[in-house]
Structure formats: structure tokens, C-alpha cells
């Protein structure tokens, strides 16, 4: 979920989502009835914030061709990508991620 309250000009009816990945959505919903999110303010002091390699979650059906959150077995981790070619693009580097998250270093 992303809280867009007070982040868009009044009367905004269209929103473009841009990414460097090939993502396809069947639909996107906007919930106007949800209570405000309780998100801790960034900028607090953290001892560490590390991003590390976890691997790739297994599929419930090994022959599945499309990714879907409900089709993944998060408990089963593979260390080789389940697709033929490597993905190109700019991704977050492994290691200390306090700066990219806007947290105090």
C-alpha cells in the first residue's frame, strides 16, 4: 500500500506508474475508505538497515509461467533464477541501505 494523501494535486484522476521492470497489472484499486496508515516517520536512528540476497521463492506449480503472489512457496528458496536470462536495470545494491531509504546514517 502507498499512502498518496496530500501528495497529488487536488482533482487528480490519472496516475502513471513507471518502472524499469516489465510489470503487468489486471487492475489497480484505490481504497478511499481505509483509515490513515500508521507509518513510522523516516529519519529515526537505526543501528543498521541491510539488504541481502535471499534467493528466489519456489512455485506452487513448477510449470507456472506467470508470477503471482499466491502462486509462490516462500518457504522453498532457490538460489538460481527461475528464468533464462538475467534482468537488466538499476536495482538497490546489497549492504547498508539507510541512505536510499532516507534514514540516518
PDB file of N, CA and C in Angstrom:
ATOM      1  N   UNK A   1       0.841  -1.179   0.000  1.00  0.00           N
ATOM      2  CA  UNK A   1       0.000   0.000   0.000  1.00  0.00           C
ATOM      3  C   UNK A   1       0.878   1.232   0.000  1.00  0.00           C
ATOM      4  N   UNK A   2       0.414   2.238  -0.681  1.00  0.00           N
ATOM      5  CA  UNK A   2       1.122   3.510  -0.734  1.00  0.00           C
ATOM      6  C   UNK A   2       0.141   4.598  -0.347  1.00  0.00           C
ATOM      7  N   UNK A   3       0.489   5.378   0.648  1.00  0.00           N
ATOM      8  CA  UNK A   3      -0.360   6.479   1.088  1.00  0.00           C
ATOM      9  C   UNK A   3      -0.068   7.684   0.205  1.00  0.00           C
ATOM     10  N   UNK A   4      -1.038   8.082  -0.625  1.00  0.00           N
ATOM     11  CA  UNK A   4      -0.864   9.215  -1.528  1.00  0.00           C
ATOM     12  C   UNK A   4      -1.554  10.480  -1.019  1.00  0.00           C
ATOM     13  N   UNK A   5      -2.048  10.429   0.216  1.00  0.00           N
ATOM     14  CA  UNK A   5      -2.731  11.598   0.777  1.00  0.00           C
ATOM     15  C   UNK A   5      -1.803  12.809   0.763  1.00  0.00           C
ATOM     16  N   UNK A   6      -2.310  13.919   0.268  1.00  0.00           N
ATOM     17  CA  UNK A   6      -1.589  15.197   0.211  1.00  0.00           C
ATOM     18  C   UNK A   6      -0.326  15.115  -0.647  1.00  0.00           C
ATOM     19  N   UNK A   7      -0.233  14.134  -1.547  1.00  0.00           N
ATOM     20  CA  UNK A   7       0.931  14.019  -2.415  1.00  0.00           C
ATOM     21  C   UNK A   7       0.581  14.297  -3.876  1.00  0.00           C
ATOM     22  N   UNK A   8      -0.709  14.396  -4.202  1.00  0.00           N
ATOM     23  CA  UNK A   8      -1.154  14.647  -5.566  1.00  0.00           C
ATOM     24  C   UNK A   8      -1.946  15.948  -5.611  1.00  0.00           C
ATOM     25  N   UNK A   9      -1.879  16.650  -6.737  1.00  0.00           N
ATOM     26  CA  UNK A   9      -2.690  17.877  -6.863  1.00  0.00           C
ATOM     27  C   UNK A   9      -4.181  17.560  -6.719  1.00  0.00           C
ATOM     28  N   UNK A  10      -4.919  18.485  -6.128  1.00  0.00           N
ATOM     29  CA  UNK A  10      -6.354  18.318  -5.931  1.00  0.00           C
ATOM     30  C   UNK A  10      -7.039  18.047  -7.263  1.00  0.00           C
ATOM     31  N   UNK A  11      -7.897  17.059  -7.309  1.00  0.00           N
ATOM     32  CA  UNK A  11      -8.637  16.730  -8.517  1.00  0.00           C
ATOM     33  C   UNK A  11      -7.928  15.748  -9.442  1.00  0.00           C
ATOM     34  N   UNK A  12      -6.790  15.224  -9.044  1.00  0.00           N
ATOM     35  CA  UNK A  12      -6.065  14.270  -9.882  1.00  0.00           C
ATOM     36  C   UNK A  12      -6.914  13.026 -10.123  1.00  0.00           C
ATOM     37  N   UNK A  13      -7.069  12.666 -11.409  1.00  0.00           N
ATOM     38  CA  UNK A  13      -7.863  11.485 -11.746  1.00  0.00           C
ATOM     39  C   UNK A  13      -7.042  10.435 -12.473  1.00  0.00           C
ATOM     40  N   UNK A  14      -5.830  10.771 -12.866  1.00  0.00           N
ATOM     41  CA  UNK A  14      -4.970   9.817 -13.565  1.00  0.00           C
ATOM     42  C   UNK A  14      -3.606   9.791 -12.894  1.00  0.00           C
ATOM     43  N   UNK A  15      -3.014   8.617 -12.884  1.00  0.00           N
ATOM     44  CA  UNK A  15      -1.712   8.442 -12.251  1.00  0.00           C
ATOM     45  C   UNK A  15      -0.911   7.472 -13.099  1.00  0.00           C
ATOM     46  N   UNK A  16       0.308   7.855 -13.469  1.00  0.00           N
ATOM     47  CA  UNK A  16       1.171   6.962 -14.244  1.00  0.00           C
ATOM     48  C   UNK A  16       2.175   6.320 -13.300  1.00  0.00           C
ATOM     49  N   UNK A  17       2.262   5.012 -13.366  1.00  0.00           N
ATOM     50  CA  UNK A  17       3.234   4.267 -12.582  1.00  0.00           C
ATOM     51  C   UNK A  17       4.326   3.831 -13.545  1.00  0.00           C
ATOM     52  N   UNK A  18       5.547   4.259 -13.295  1.00  0.00           N
ATOM     53  CA  UNK A  18       6.675   3.971 -14.180  1.00  0.00           C
ATOM     54  C   UNK A  18       7.698   3.130 -13.440  1.00  0.00           C
ATOM     55  N   UNK A  19       8.254   2.152 -14.117  1.00  0.00           N
ATOM     56  CA  UNK A  19       9.257   1.289 -13.526  1.00  0.00           C
ATOM     57  C   UNK A  19      10.193   0.801 -14.621  1.00  0.00           C
ATOM     58  N   UNK A  20      11.356   0.299 -14.233  1.00  0.00           N
ATOM     59  CA  UNK A  20      12.282  -0.253 -15.219  1.00  0.00           C
ATOM     60  C   UNK A  20      12.054  -1.756 -15.420  1.00  0.00           C
ATOM     61  N   UNK A  21      11.011  -2.301 -14.816  1.00  0.00           N
ATOM     62  CA  UNK A  21      10.687  -3.722 -14.940  1.00  0.00           C
ATOM     63  C   UNK A  21       9.488  -3.918 -15.860  1.00  0.00           C
ATOM     64  N   UNK A  22       9.363  -5.082 -16.425  1.00  0.00           N
ATOM     65  CA  UNK A  22       8.192  -5.422 -17.233  1.00  0.00           C
ATOM     66  C   UNK A  22       7.118  -5.944 -16.298  1.00  0.00           C
ATOM     67  N   UNK A  23       6.234  -5.066 -15.862  1.00  0.00           N
ATOM     68  CA  UNK A  23       5.159  -5.420 -14.939  1.00  0.00           C
ATOM     69  C   UNK A  23       3.830  -5.263 -15.651  1.00  0.00           C
ATOM     70  N   UNK A  24       2.899  -6.171 -15.382  1.00  0.00           N
ATOM     71  CA  UNK A  24       1.583  -6.126 -15.994  1.00  0.00           C
ATOM     72  C   UNK A  24       0.539  -6.276 -14.899  1.00  0.00           C
ATOM     73  N   UNK A  25      -0.422  -5.364 -14.877  1.00  0.00           N
ATOM     74  CA  UNK A  25      -1.487  -5.422 -13.887  1.00  0.00           C
ATOM     75  C   UNK A  25      -2.805  -5.669 -14.592  1.00  0.00           C
ATOM     76  N   UNK A  26      -3.643  -6.501 -14.006  1.00  0.00           N
ATOM     77  CA  UNK A  26      -5.005  -6.660 -14.496  1.00  0.00           C
ATOM     78  C   UNK A  26      -5.866  -5.510 -13.986  1.00  0.00           C
ATOM     79  N   UNK A  27      -5.558  -5.050 -12.776  1.00  0.00           N
ATOM     80  CA  UNK A  27      -6.306  -3.932 -12.209  1.00  0.00           C
ATOM     81  C   UNK A  27      -5.526  -3.349 -11.030  1.00  0.00           C
ATOM     82  N   UNK A  28      -5.848  -2.120 -10.734  1.00  0.00           N
ATOM     83  CA  UNK A  28      -5.296  -1.443  -9.557  1.00  0.00           C
ATOM     84  C   UNK A  28      -6.476  -0.792  -8.856  1.00  0.00           C
ATOM     85  N   UNK A  29      -6.555  -0.950  -7.552  1.00  0.00           N
ATOM     86  CA  UNK A  29      -7.683  -0.403  -6.797  1.00  0.00           C
ATOM     87  C   UNK A  29      -7.228   0.731  -5.901  1.00  0.00           C
ATOM     88  N   UNK A  30      -8.105   1.679  -5.712  1.00  0.00           N
ATOM     89  CA  UNK A  30      -7.874   2.782  -4.783  1.00  0.00           C
ATOM     90  C   UNK A  30      -8.939   2.683  -3.711  1.00  0.00           C
ATOM     91  N   UNK A  31      -8.507   2.526  -2.468  1.00  0.00           N
ATOM     92  CA  UNK A  31      -9.427   2.386  -1.346  1.00  0.00           C
ATOM     93  C   UNK A  31      -9.526   3.717  -0.632  1.00  0.00           C
ATOM     94  N   UNK A  32     -10.630   4.420  -0.839  1.00  0.00           N
ATOM     95  CA  UNK A  32     -10.832   5.722  -0.201  1.00  0.00           C
ATOM     96  C   UNK A  32     -11.440   5.593   1.191  1.00  0.00           C
ATOM     97  N   UNK A  33     -11.844   4.379   1.580  1.00  0.00           N
ATOM     98  CA  UNK A  33     -12.494   4.203   2.873  1.00  0.00           C
ATOM     99  C   UNK A  33     -11.528   3.749   3.960  1.00  0.00           C
ATOM    100  N   UNK A  34     -10.308   3.424   3.581  1.00  0.00           N
ATOM    101  CA  UNK A  34      -9.358   2.881   4.560  1.00  0.00           C
ATOM    102  C   UNK A  34      -8.950   3.951   5.565  1.00  0.00           C
ATOM    103  N   UNK A  35      -8.733   3.563   6.816  1.00  0.00           N
ATOM    104  CA  UNK A  35      -8.236   4.526   7.800  1.00  0.00           C
ATOM    105  C   UNK A  35      -6.808   4.928   7.430  1.00  0.00           C
ATOM    106  N   UNK A  36      -6.354   6.064   7.911  1.00  0.00           N
ATOM    107  CA  UNK A  36      -4.995   6.501   7.597  1.00  0.00           C
ATOM    108  C   UNK A  36      -3.966   5.444   8.013  1.00  0.00           C
ATOM    109  N   UNK A  37      -2.934   5.296   7.198  1.00  0.00           N
ATOM    110  CA  UNK A  37      -1.873   4.338   7.516  1.00  0.00           C
ATOM    111  C   UNK A  37      -1.054   4.834   8.688  1.00  0.00           C
ATOM    112  N   UNK A  38      -0.649   3.932   9.525  1.00  0.00           N
ATOM    113  CA  UNK A  38       0.249   4.273  10.614  1.00  0.00           C
ATOM    114  C   UNK A  38       1.660   3.903  10.176  1.00  0.00           C
ATOM    115  N   UNK A  39       2.345   4.852   9.552  1.00  0.00           N
ATOM    116  CA  UNK A  39       3.681   4.615   9.019  1.00  0.00           C
ATOM    117  C   UNK A  39       4.674   5.378   9.878  1.00  0.00           C
ATOM    118  N   UNK A  40       5.675   4.691  10.419  1.00  0.00           N
ATOM    119  CA  UNK A  40       6.662   5.415  11.217  1.00  0.00           C
ATOM    120  C   UNK A  40       7.409   6.424  10.353  1.00  0.00           C
ATOM    121  N   UNK A  41       7.682   7.568  10.916  1.00  0.00           N
ATOM    122  CA  UNK A  41       8.392   8.614  10.181  1.00  0.00           C
ATOM    123  C   UNK A  41       9.829   8.192   9.915  1.00  0.00           C
ATOM    124  N   UNK A  42      10.279   8.410   8.679  1.00  0.00           N
ATOM    125  CA  UNK A  42      11.677   8.122   8.340  1.00  0.00           C
ATOM    126  C   UNK A  42      12.560   9.152   9.033  1.00  0.00           C
ATOM    127  N   UNK A  43      13.794   8.832   9.193  1.00  0.00           N
ATOM    128  CA  UNK A  43      14.720   9.766   9.806  1.00  0.00           C
ATOM    129  C   UNK A  43      15.123   9.364  11.209  1.00  0.00           C
ATOM    130  N   UNK A  44      14.540   8.289  11.704  1.00  0.00           N
ATOM    131  CA  UNK A  44      14.925   7.825  13.026  1.00  0.00           C
ATOM    132  C   UNK A  44      16.319   7.232  13.027  1.00  0.00           C
ATOM    133  N   UNK A  45      16.857   7.027  14.186  1.00  0.00           N
ATOM    134  CA  UNK A  45      18.195   6.438  14.300  1.00  0.00           C
ATOM    135  C   UNK A  45      18.082   4.917  14.230  1.00  0.00           C
ATOM    136  N   UNK A  46      18.813   4.313  13.337  1.00  0.00           N
ATOM    137  CA  UNK A  46      18.842   2.872  13.190  1.00  0.00           C
ATOM    138  C   UNK A  46      20.260   2.389  13.383  1.00  0.00           C
ATOM    139  N   UNK A  47      20.423   1.266  14.041  1.00  0.00           N
ATOM    140  CA  UNK A  47      21.748   0.663  14.142  1.00  0.00           C
ATOM    141  C   UNK A  47      22.185   0.159  12.788  1.00  0.00           C
ATOM    142  N   UNK A  48      21.242  -0.418  12.033  1.00  0.00           N
ATOM    143  CA  UNK A  48      21.568  -0.899  10.694  1.00  0.00           C
ATOM    144  C   UNK A  48      20.297  -1.105   9.894  1.00  0.00           C
ATOM    145  N   UNK A  49      20.444  -1.096   8.589  1.00  0.00           N
ATOM    146  CA  UNK A  49      19.389  -1.448   7.640  1.00  0.00           C
ATOM    147  C   UNK A  49      20.118  -2.096   6.475  1.00  0.00           C
ATOM    148  N   UNK A  50      20.062  -3.427   6.437  1.00  0.00           N
ATOM    149  CA  UNK A  50      20.846  -4.188   5.456  1.00  0.00           C
ATOM    150  C   UNK A  50      19.941  -4.878   4.447  1.00  0.00           C
ATOM    151  N   UNK A  51      20.335  -4.838   3.183  1.00  0.00           N
ATOM    152  CA  UNK A  51      19.675  -5.599   2.144  1.00  0.00           C
ATOM    153  C   UNK A  51      20.627  -6.702   1.724  1.00  0.00           C
ATOM    154  N   UNK A  52      20.148  -7.932   1.753  1.00  0.00           N
ATOM    155  CA  UNK A  52      20.975  -9.068   1.367  1.00  0.00           C
ATOM    156  C   UNK A  52      20.244  -9.962   0.384  1.00  0.00           C
ATOM    157  N   UNK A  53      20.980 -10.834  -0.244  1.00  0.00           N
ATOM    158  CA  UNK A  53      20.399 -11.767  -1.203  1.00  0.00           C
ATOM    159  C   UNK A  53      19.678 -12.879  -0.461  1.00  0.00           C
ATOM    160  N   UNK A  54      18.429 -13.117  -0.777  1.00  0.00           N
ATOM    161  CA  UNK A  54      17.653 -14.183  -0.160  1.00  0.00           C
ATOM    162  C   UNK A  54      17.551 -15.380  -1.079  1.00  0.00           C
ATOM    163  N   UNK A  55      17.433 -15.143  -2.376  1.00  0.00           N
ATOM    164  CA  UNK A  55      17.182 -16.208  -3.332  1.00  0.00           C
ATOM    165  C   UNK A  55      15.836 -15.972  -3.992  1.00  0.00           C
ATOM    166  N   UNK A  56      15.292 -17.008  -4.609  1.00  0.00           N
ATOM    167  CA  UNK A  56      14.045 -16.910  -5.349  1.00  0.00           C
ATOM    168  C   UNK A  56      13.059 -17.907  -4.774  1.00  0.00           C
ATOM    169  N   UNK A  57      11.846 -17.452  -4.504  1.00  0.00           N
ATOM    170  CA  UNK A  57      10.818 -18.338  -3.963  1.00  0.00           C
ATOM    171  C   UNK A  57      10.402 -19.357  -5.013  1.00  0.00           C
ATOM    172  N   UNK A  58      10.092 -20.571  -4.549  1.00  0.00           N
ATOM    173  CA  UNK A  58       9.635 -21.618  -5.456  1.00  0.00           C
ATOM    174  C   UNK A  58       8.190 -21.397  -5.858  1.00  0.00           C
ATOM    175  N   UNK A  59       7.763 -22.091  -6.908  1.00  0.00           N
ATOM    176  CA  UNK A  59       6.386 -22.011  -7.385  1.00  0.00           C
ATOM    177  C   UNK A  59       5.575 -23.170  -6.818  1.00  0.00           C
ATOM    178  N   UNK A  60       4.290 -22.915  -6.554  1.00  0.00           N
ATOM    179  CA  UNK A  60       3.405 -23.993  -6.130  1.00  0.00           C
ATOM    180  C   UNK A  60       3.271 -25.006  -7.264  1.00  0.00           C
ATOM    181  N   UNK A  61       3.204 -24.511  -8.489  1.00  0.00           N
ATOM    182  CA  UNK A  61       3.172 -25.374  -9.671  1.00  0.00           C
ATOM    183  C   UNK A  61       4.459 -25.109 -10.439  1.00  0.00           C
ATOM    184  N   UNK A  62       5.393 -26.033 -10.471  1.00  0.00           N
ATOM    185  CA  UNK A  62       6.684 -25.808 -11.132  1.00  0.00           C
ATOM    186  C   UNK A  62       6.562 -25.389 -12.585  1.00  0.00           C
ATOM    187  N   UNK A  63       5.479 -25.767 -13.269  1.00  0.00           N
ATOM    188  CA  UNK A  63       5.327 -25.412 -14.677  1.00  0.00           C
ATOM    189  C   UNK A  63       4.697 -24.033 -14.874  1.00  0.00           C
ATOM    190  N   UNK A  64       4.401 -23.311 -13.782  1.00  0.00           N
ATOM    191  CA  UNK A  64       3.770 -21.993 -13.886  1.00  0.00           C
ATOM    192  C   UNK A  64       4.632 -21.052 -14.707  1.00  0.00           C
ATOM    193  N   UNK A  65       3.992 -20.289 -15.571  1.00  0.00           N
ATOM    194  CA  UNK A  65       4.718 -19.358 -16.434  1.00  0.00           C
ATOM    195  C   UNK A  65       4.538 -17.909 -15.998  1.00  0.00           C
ATOM    196  N   UNK A  66       3.547 -17.636 -15.179  1.00  0.00           N
ATOM    197  CA  UNK A  66       3.287 -16.271 -14.741  1.00  0.00           C
ATOM    198  C   UNK A  66       3.530 -16.159 -13.243  1.00  0.00           C
ATOM    199  N   UNK A  67       4.077 -15.027 -12.836  1.00  0.00           N
ATOM    200  CA  UNK A  67       4.322 -14.792 -11.422  1.00  0.00           C
ATOM    201  C   UNK A  67       3.044 -14.259 -10.786  1.00  0.00           C
ATOM    202  N   UNK A  68       2.698 -14.777  -9.638  1.00  0.00           N
ATOM    203  CA  UNK A  68       1.568 -14.286  -8.862  1.00  0.00           C
ATOM    204  C   UNK A  68       1.878 -14.582  -7.406  1.00  0.00           C
ATOM    205  N   UNK A  69       1.585 -13.621  -6.539  1.00  0.00           N
ATOM    206  CA  UNK A  69       1.928 -13.778  -5.123  1.00  0.00           C
ATOM    207  C   UNK A  69       1.361 -15.068  -4.543  1.00  0.00           C
ATOM    208  N   UNK A  70       0.137 -15.436  -4.910  1.00  0.00           N
ATOM    209  CA  UNK A  70      -0.483 -16.639  -4.379  1.00  0.00           C
ATOM    210  C   UNK A  70       0.086 -17.919  -4.958  1.00  0.00           C
ATOM    211  N   UNK A  71       0.915 -17.811  -5.991  1.00  0.00           N
ATOM    212  CA  UNK A  71       1.465 -18.996  -6.649  1.00  0.00           C
ATOM    213  C   UNK A  71       2.892 -19.296  -6.198  1.00  0.00           C
ATOM    214  N   UNK A  72       3.368 -18.596  -5.196  1.00  0.00           N
ATOM    215  CA  UNK A  72       4.738 -18.781  -4.743  1.00  0.00           C
ATOM    216  C   UNK A  72       4.797 -19.535  -3.416  1.00  0.00           C
ATOM    217  N   UNK A  73       5.825 -20.339  -3.260  1.00  0.00           N
ATOM    218  CA  UNK A  73       6.107 -21.035  -1.998  1.00  0.00           C
ATOM    219  C   UNK A  73       7.279 -20.313  -1.354  1.00  0.00           C
ATOM    220  N   UNK A  74       6.996 -19.403  -0.456  1.00  0.00           N
ATOM    221  CA  UNK A  74       8.036 -18.575   0.152  1.00  0.00           C
ATOM    222  C   UNK A  74       8.994 -19.378   1.026  1.00  0.00           C
ATOM    223  N   UNK A  75       8.537 -20.542   1.509  1.00  0.00           N
ATOM    224  CA  UNK A  75       9.391 -21.366   2.362  1.00  0.00           C
ATOM    225  C   UNK A  75      10.444 -22.114   1.546  1.00  0.00           C
ATOM    226  N   UNK A  76      10.214 -22.288   0.253  1.00  0.00           N
ATOM    227  CA  UNK A  76      11.148 -23.015  -0.615  1.00  0.00           C
ATOM    228  C   UNK A  76      11.971 -22.006  -1.400  1.00  0.00           C
ATOM    229  N   UNK A  77      13.255 -21.945  -1.105  1.00  0.00           N
ATOM    230  CA  UNK A  77      14.122 -20.939  -1.717  1.00  0.00           C
ATOM    231  C   UNK A  77      15.121 -21.598  -2.663  1.00  0.00           C
ATOM    232  N   UNK A  78      15.229 -21.035  -3.856  1.00  0.00           N
ATOM    233  CA  UNK A  78      16.203 -21.474  -4.852  1.00  0.00           C
ATOM    234  C   UNK A  78      17.234 -20.360  -5.015  1.00  0.00           C
ATOM    235  N   UNK A  79      18.453 -20.731  -5.320  1.00  0.00           N
ATOM    236  CA  UNK A  79      19.500 -19.713  -5.448  1.00  0.00           C
ATOM    237  C   UNK A  79      19.841 -19.400  -6.895  1.00  0.00           C
ATOM    238  N   UNK A  80      19.199 -20.075  -7.829  1.00  0.00           N
ATOM    239  CA  UNK A  80      19.341 -19.745  -9.243  1.00  0.00           C
ATOM    240  C   UNK A  80      18.020 -19.181  -9.725  1.00  0.00           C
ATOM    241  N   UNK A  81      18.083 -18.172 -10.591  1.00  0.00           N
ATOM    242  CA  UNK A  81      16.872 -17.535 -11.110  1.00  0.00           C
ATOM    243  C   UNK A  81      16.050 -18.529 -11.917  1.00  0.00           C
ATOM    244  N   UNK A  82      14.718 -18.501 -11.759  1.00  0.00           N
ATOM    245  CA  UNK A  82      13.871 -19.444 -12.491  1.00  0.00           C
ATOM    246  C   UNK A  82      13.554 -18.989 -13.912  1.00  0.00           C
ATOM    247  N   UNK A  83      14.323 -18.080 -14.474  1.00  0.00           N
ATOM    248  CA  UNK A  83      14.130 -17.632 -15.847  1.00  0.00           C
ATOM    249  C   UNK A  83      15.461 -17.724 -16.585  1.00  0.00           C
ATOM    250  N   UNK A  84      15.374 -17.691 -17.903  1.00  0.00           N
ATOM    251  CA  UNK A  84      16.539 -17.984 -18.734  1.00  0.00           C
ATOM    252  C   UNK A  84      17.589 -16.873 -18.762  1.00  0.00           C
ATOM    253  N   UNK A  85      17.178 -15.623 -18.821  1.00  0.00           N
ATOM    254  CA  UNK A  85      18.165 -14.548 -18.958  1.00  0.00           C
ATOM    255  C   UNK A  85      18.202 -13.684 -17.704  1.00  0.00           C
ATOM    256  N   UNK A  86      19.311 -12.998 -17.519  1.00  0.00           N
ATOM    257  CA  UNK A  86      19.432 -12.114 -16.358  1.00  0.00           C
ATOM    258  C   UNK A  86      18.651 -10.830 -16.618  1.00  0.00           C
ATOM    259  N   UNK A  87      18.170 -10.234 -15.557  1.00  0.00           N
ATOM    260  CA  UNK A  87      17.408  -8.993 -15.666  1.00  0.00           C
ATOM    261  C   UNK A  87      18.357  -7.810 -15.717  1.00  0.00           C
ATOM    262  N   UNK A  88      18.051  -6.866 -16.577  1.00  0.00           N
ATOM    263  CA  UNK A  88      18.851  -5.661 -16.663  1.00  0.00           C
ATOM    264  C   UNK A  88      18.122  -4.534 -15.960  1.00  0.00           C
ATOM    265  N   UNK A  89      18.876  -3.554 -15.504  1.00  0.00           N
ATOM    266  CA  UNK A  89      18.260  -2.395 -14.879  1.00  0.00           C
ATOM    267  C   UNK A  89      19.024  -1.955 -13.661  1.00  0.00           C
ATOM    268  N   UNK A  90      18.546  -0.886 -13.061  1.00  0.00           N
ATOM    269  CA  UNK A  90      19.166  -0.338 -11.872  1.00  0.00           C
ATOM    270  C   UNK A  90      18.395  -0.844 -10.661  1.00  0.00           C
ATOM    271  N   UNK A  91      19.078  -1.556  -9.804  1.00  0.00           N
ATOM    272  CA  UNK A  91      18.462  -2.113  -8.609  1.00  0.00           C
ATOM    273  C   UNK A  91      19.221  -1.625  -7.379  1.00  0.00           C
ATOM    274  N   UNK A  92      18.625  -1.771  -6.219  1.00  0.00           N
ATOM    275  CA  UNK A  92      19.292  -1.386  -4.986  1.00  0.00           C
ATOM    276  C   UNK A  92      20.436  -2.347  -4.716  1.00  0.00           C
ATOM    277  N   UNK A  93      21.580  -1.804  -4.391  1.00  0.00           N
ATOM    278  CA  UNK A  93      22.755  -2.629  -4.102  1.00  0.00           C
ATOM    279  C   UNK A  93      22.578  -3.316  -2.756  1.00  0.00           C
ATOM    280  N   UNK A  94      23.275  -4.430  -2.590  1.00  0.00           N
ATOM    281  CA  UNK A  94      23.259  -5.126  -1.315  1.00  0.00           C
ATOM    282  C   UNK A  94      24.112  -4.348  -0.316  1.00  0.00           C
ATOM    283  N   UNK A  95      23.821  -4.536   0.955  1.00  0.00           N
ATOM    284  CA  UNK A  95      24.598  -3.885   2.007  1.00  0.00           C
ATOM    285  C   UNK A  95      23.755  -2.856   2.737  1.00  0.00           C
ATOM    286  N   UNK A  96      24.401  -1.817   3.219  1.00  0.00           N
ATOM    287  CA  UNK A  96      23.750  -0.770   4.003  1.00  0.00           C
ATOM    288  C   UNK A  96      22.803   0.034   3.118  1.00  0.00           C
ATOM    289  N   UNK A  97      21.522   0.071   3.455  1.00  0.00           N
ATOM    290  CA  UNK A  97      20.534   0.780   2.642  1.00  0.00           C
ATOM    291  C   UNK A  97      19.870   1.925   3.410  1.00  0.00           C
ATOM    292  N   UNK A  98      20.511   2.399   4.455  1.00  0.00           N
ATOM    293  CA  UNK A  98      19.911   3.519   5.200  1.00  0.00           C
ATOM    294  C   UNK A  98      19.801   4.767   4.339  1.00  0.00           C
ATOM    295  N   UNK A  99      20.818   5.090   3.549  1.00  0.00           N
ATOM    296  CA  UNK A  99      20.786   6.293   2.713  1.00  0.00           C
ATOM    297  C   UNK A  99      19.668   6.229   1.657  1.00  0.00           C
ATOM    298  N   UNK A 100      19.574   5.128   0.862  1.00  0.00           N
ATOM    299  CA  UNK A 100      18.481   5.087  -0.112  1.00  0.00           C
ATOM    300  C   UNK A 100      17.088   5.146   0.514  1.00  0.00           C
ATOM    301  N   UNK A 101      16.968   4.687   1.756  1.00  0.00           N
ATOM    302  CA  UNK A 101      15.679   4.731   2.439  1.00  0.00           C
ATOM    303  C   UNK A 101      15.428   6.068   3.126  1.00  0.00           C
ATOM    304  N   UNK A 102      16.405   6.960   3.048  1.00  0.00           N
ATOM    305  CA  UNK A 102      16.259   8.258   3.690  1.00  0.00           C
ATOM    306  C   UNK A 102      16.399   8.199   5.199  1.00  0.00           C
ATOM    307  N   UNK A 103      17.090   7.190   5.690  1.00  0.00           N
ATOM    308  CA  UNK A 103      17.294   7.031   7.124  1.00  0.00           C
ATOM    309  C   UNK A 103      18.653   7.569   7.512  1.00  0.00           C
ATOM    310  N   UNK A 104      18.779   7.923   8.745  1.00  0.00           N
ATOM    311  CA  UNK A 104      20.019   8.485   9.267  1.00  0.00           C
ATOM    312  C   UNK A 104      21.163   7.474   9.168  1.00  0.00           C
ATOM    313  N   UNK A 105      22.315   7.937   8.702  1.00  0.00           N
ATOM    314  CA  UNK A 105      23.490   7.045   8.632  1.00  0.00           C
ATOM    315  C   UNK A 105      24.382   7.262   9.821  1.00  0.00           C
TER     316      UNK A 105
END
